[in-house]
Amino acid sequence: MRQSAYHRSLQTSIADRVWNWIWEHFLSFLEGVRGIPGGRYIALSAAALLVLVVILRLVYGAQLRDEERTRIRHRHGSRTYIDPWLEAQNAAAQGRFTDAAHALNAAVLERLTRRERIRLHESKTHGDYARELRSVGSNAYGPFRDFGRLYERIIYGRGECDAAGYGELMERARPLVSQSVAA
């Protein structure tokens, strides 16, 4: 216990000890690299690769933040969600028409449940919503039934949506997401 290794300052933090350990191992690594033929070039290549990975990660993160800024966020109490109408437009602009069709469907359902006396539930089908709209005497019944039929034919029939299909869906969705649905 009288050896110097056992005499440590109580003021040295755990972070200092971890940093010292890392530094000692780094120095021993450098000593080991010196003994390898071409070790300097290997170490420089590894360092350059590490710098490249960090730069690529920063660029990727910036792109994700830019995409996030283009989305409109709404606050409802403590929940935050992305407006599906805007998400549909963004996905269509990027050529992801199947994703855009799903977002457009979510936008239509969200707007109708906000405006009409129906409740949104993940187990309901378009037919269920159409029957609810008809039972409450909503003017949105006919346009929603037509939208739902086209959506199901595209998504569940073909399995994917193209630009033309998205255009048709958008045309039928516009009156449903506007403030009033014509009789």
Protein backbone atom coordinates (compact mmCIF):
# COMPACT_ATOMS: atom_id res chain seq x y z
CA MET A 1 0.00 0.00 0.00
CA ARG A 2 3.00 2.26 0.29
CA GLN A 3 3.70 2.08 -3.44
CA SER A 4 2.98 5.17 -5.56
CA ALA A 5 0.30 3.41 -7.62
CA TYR A 6 -1.91 3.31 -4.53
CA HIS A 7 -1.49 6.98 -3.72
CA ARG A 8 -4.18 8.73 -5.75
CA SER A 9 -5.63 12.13 -5.27
CA LEU A 10 -9.23 12.19 -4.17
CA GLN A 11 -9.75 15.22 -6.39
CA THR A 12 -9.26 13.23 -9.60
CA SER A 13 -12.67 12.60 -11.10
CA ILE A 14 -13.82 9.45 -12.83
CA ALA A 15 -13.87 11.33 -16.12
CA ASP A 16 -10.21 12.28 -15.60
CA ARG A 17 -9.32 8.66 -14.96
CA VAL A 18 -11.23 7.49 -18.05
CA TRP A 19 -9.57 10.17 -20.18
CA ASN A 20 -6.11 9.18 -18.84
CA TRP A 21 -6.83 5.52 -19.60
CA ILE A 22 -7.92 6.37 -23.16
CA TRP A 23 -4.86 8.57 -23.68
CA GLU A 24 -2.48 5.88 -22.42
CA HIS A 25 -4.00 3.29 -24.75
CA PHE A 26 -3.87 5.73 -27.66
CA LEU A 27 -0.18 6.36 -27.02
CA SER A 28 0.53 2.63 -26.83
CA PHE A 29 -1.38 2.19 -30.11
CA LEU A 30 0.81 4.83 -31.75
CA GLU A 31 3.92 3.07 -30.44
CA GLY A 32 2.64 -0.18 -31.93
CA VAL A 33 1.92 1.45 -35.30
CA ARG A 34 5.48 2.74 -35.51
CA GLY A 35 6.75 -0.84 -35.58
CA ILE A 36 4.53 -1.85 -38.54
CA PRO A 37 5.91 -1.26 -42.04
CA GLY A 38 3.58 1.26 -43.68
CA GLY A 39 1.85 1.77 -40.34
CA ARG A 40 1.94 5.52 -40.69
CA TYR A 41 -0.02 5.33 -43.95
CA ILE A 42 -2.51 2.92 -42.42
CA ALA A 43 -3.06 5.24 -39.46
CA LEU A 44 -3.44 8.28 -41.73
CA SER A 45 -5.90 6.39 -43.93
CA ALA A 46 -7.91 5.33 -40.89
CA ALA A 47 -7.96 8.91 -39.61
CA ALA A 48 -9.04 10.23 -43.02
CA LEU A 49 -11.79 7.60 -43.18
CA LEU A 50 -12.99 8.59 -39.72
CA VAL A 51 -13.10 12.26 -40.70
CA LEU A 52 -15.01 11.36 -43.88
CA VAL A 53 -17.57 9.35 -41.91
CA VAL A 54 -18.10 12.26 -39.50
CA ILE A 55 -18.56 14.72 -42.39
CA LEU A 56 -21.02 12.42 -44.17
CA ARG A 57 -22.99 11.99 -40.95
CA LEU A 58 -23.19 15.76 -40.48
CA VAL A 59 -24.40 16.24 -44.06
CA TYR A 60 -26.99 13.48 -43.67
CA GLY A 61 -28.22 14.99 -40.40
CA ALA A 62 -28.53 18.41 -42.05
CA GLN A 63 -30.63 16.91 -44.85
CA LEU A 64 -32.93 15.25 -42.32
CA ARG A 65 -33.33 18.54 -40.45
CA ASP A 66 -34.16 20.33 -43.71
CA GLU A 67 -36.84 17.75 -44.52
CA GLU A 68 -38.22 18.12 -41.01
CA ARG A 69 -38.44 21.90 -41.38
CA THR A 70 -40.57 21.54 -44.50
CA ARG A 71 -43.22 19.70 -42.52
CA ILE A 72 -45.82 21.70 -40.66
CA ARG A 73 -46.26 20.59 -37.09
CA HIS A 74 -49.40 21.14 -35.08
CA ARG A 75 -49.74 21.03 -31.33
CA HIS A 76 -52.66 19.33 -29.62
CA GLY A 77 -52.03 19.31 -25.90
CA SER A 78 -48.74 17.52 -25.39
CA ARG A 79 -48.81 15.67 -28.74
CA THR A 80 -47.11 16.87 -31.90
CA TYR A 81 -47.93 15.41 -35.29
CA ILE A 82 -47.19 16.11 -38.92
CA ASP A 83 -49.99 17.44 -41.11
CA PRO A 84 -50.82 14.55 -43.48
CA TRP A 85 -52.03 16.92 -46.23
CA LEU A 86 -48.61 18.57 -46.39
CA GLU A 87 -46.90 15.19 -46.04
CA ALA A 88 -48.85 13.97 -49.09
CA GLN A 89 -47.74 16.98 -51.13
CA ASN A 90 -44.09 16.51 -50.07
CA ALA A 91 -44.12 12.80 -50.90
CA ALA A 92 -45.71 13.46 -54.31
CA ALA A 93 -43.13 16.15 -55.07
CA GLN A 94 -40.42 13.56 -54.35
CA GLY A 95 -42.07 11.01 -56.64
CA ARG A 96 -43.18 8.71 -53.80
CA PHE A 97 -46.79 8.45 -54.98
CA THR A 98 -47.79 5.41 -52.91
CA ASP A 99 -46.65 7.15 -49.72
CA ALA A 100 -48.41 10.29 -50.93
CA ALA A 101 -51.65 8.34 -51.45
CA HIS A 102 -51.50 6.95 -47.91
CA ALA A 103 -50.86 10.43 -46.48
CA LEU A 104 -53.69 11.85 -48.60
CA ASN A 105 -56.04 9.19 -47.24
CA ALA A 106 -54.96 10.08 -43.69
CA ALA A 107 -55.57 13.77 -44.42
CA VAL A 108 -59.08 13.10 -45.73
CA LEU A 109 -59.97 10.93 -42.75
CA GLU A 110 -58.51 13.42 -40.28
CA ARG A 111 -60.39 16.38 -41.75
CA LEU A 112 -63.67 14.49 -41.94
CA THR A 113 -63.47 13.27 -38.36
CA ARG A 114 -62.72 16.80 -37.21
CA ARG A 115 -65.65 18.26 -39.13
CA GLU A 116 -68.27 15.48 -39.05
CA ARG A 117 -69.74 13.47 -36.20
CA ILE A 118 -67.66 10.37 -36.80
CA ARG A 119 -64.73 8.88 -34.89
CA LEU A 120 -61.40 7.85 -36.34
CA HIS A 121 -60.33 4.29 -35.53
CA GLU A 122 -57.59 2.16 -37.08
CA SER A 123 -59.84 -0.88 -37.45
CA LYS A 124 -62.43 0.94 -39.58
CA THR A 125 -62.56 0.60 -43.35
CA HIS A 126 -63.61 3.19 -45.91
CA GLY A 127 -66.97 1.43 -46.01
CA ASP A 128 -67.38 1.86 -42.25
CA TYR A 129 -66.66 5.59 -42.51
CA ALA A 130 -68.98 5.95 -45.50
CA ARG A 131 -71.82 4.26 -43.59
CA GLU A 132 -71.23 6.58 -40.63
CA LEU A 133 -71.30 9.62 -42.90
CA ARG A 134 -74.53 8.41 -44.48
CA SER A 135 -76.12 7.74 -41.07
CA VAL A 136 -75.39 11.29 -39.86
CA GLY A 137 -76.71 12.75 -43.13
CA SER A 138 -73.39 14.28 -44.17
CA ASN A 139 -72.93 15.92 -47.57
CA ALA A 140 -69.49 14.29 -47.63
CA TYR A 141 -70.96 10.80 -47.99
CA GLY A 142 -70.94 10.61 -51.81
CA PRO A 143 -67.57 12.26 -52.42
CA PHE A 144 -65.96 10.19 -49.64
CA ARG A 145 -67.43 6.96 -50.99
CA ASP A 146 -65.97 7.77 -54.43
CA PHE A 147 -62.59 8.69 -52.93
CA GLY A 148 -62.53 5.52 -50.83
CA ARG A 149 -63.37 3.28 -53.78
CA LEU A 150 -60.61 4.80 -55.90
CA TYR A 151 -58.10 4.64 -53.04
CA GLU A 152 -58.84 0.98 -52.35
CA ARG A 153 -58.72 0.10 -56.05
CA ILE A 154 -55.29 1.75 -56.38
CA ILE A 155 -53.70 0.63 -53.11
CA TYR A 156 -55.26 -2.78 -52.63
CA GLY A 157 -55.82 -3.59 -56.30
CA ARG A 158 -52.60 -2.49 -57.99
CA GLY A 159 -50.56 -2.36 -54.83
CA GLU A 160 -48.88 0.92 -55.69
CA CYS A 161 -49.81 4.38 -56.85
CA ASP A 162 -48.42 6.27 -59.83
CA ALA A 163 -48.61 9.95 -60.74
CA ALA A 164 -51.89 9.56 -62.63
CA GLY A 165 -53.54 7.66 -59.77
CA TYR A 166 -52.33 10.23 -57.27
CA GLY A 167 -53.72 13.00 -59.46
CA GLU A 168 -57.14 11.33 -59.47
CA LEU A 169 -57.03 10.83 -55.70
CA MET A 170 -56.03 14.46 -55.17
CA GLU A 171 -58.89 15.64 -57.39
CA ARG A 172 -61.38 13.65 -55.31
CA ALA A 173 -59.77 14.62 -51.99
CA ARG A 174 -59.85 18.40 -52.52
CA PRO A 175 -63.59 18.89 -51.84
CA LEU A 176 -63.35 16.58 -48.81
CA VAL A 177 -60.58 18.55 -47.11
CA SER A 178 -62.02 21.96 -47.92
CA GLN A 179 -64.19 23.66 -45.31
CA SER A 180 -67.49 22.69 -46.87
CA VAL A 181 -68.60 19.80 -49.06
CA ALA A 182 -71.16 20.62 -51.71
CA ALA A 183 -74.45 18.79 -51.51
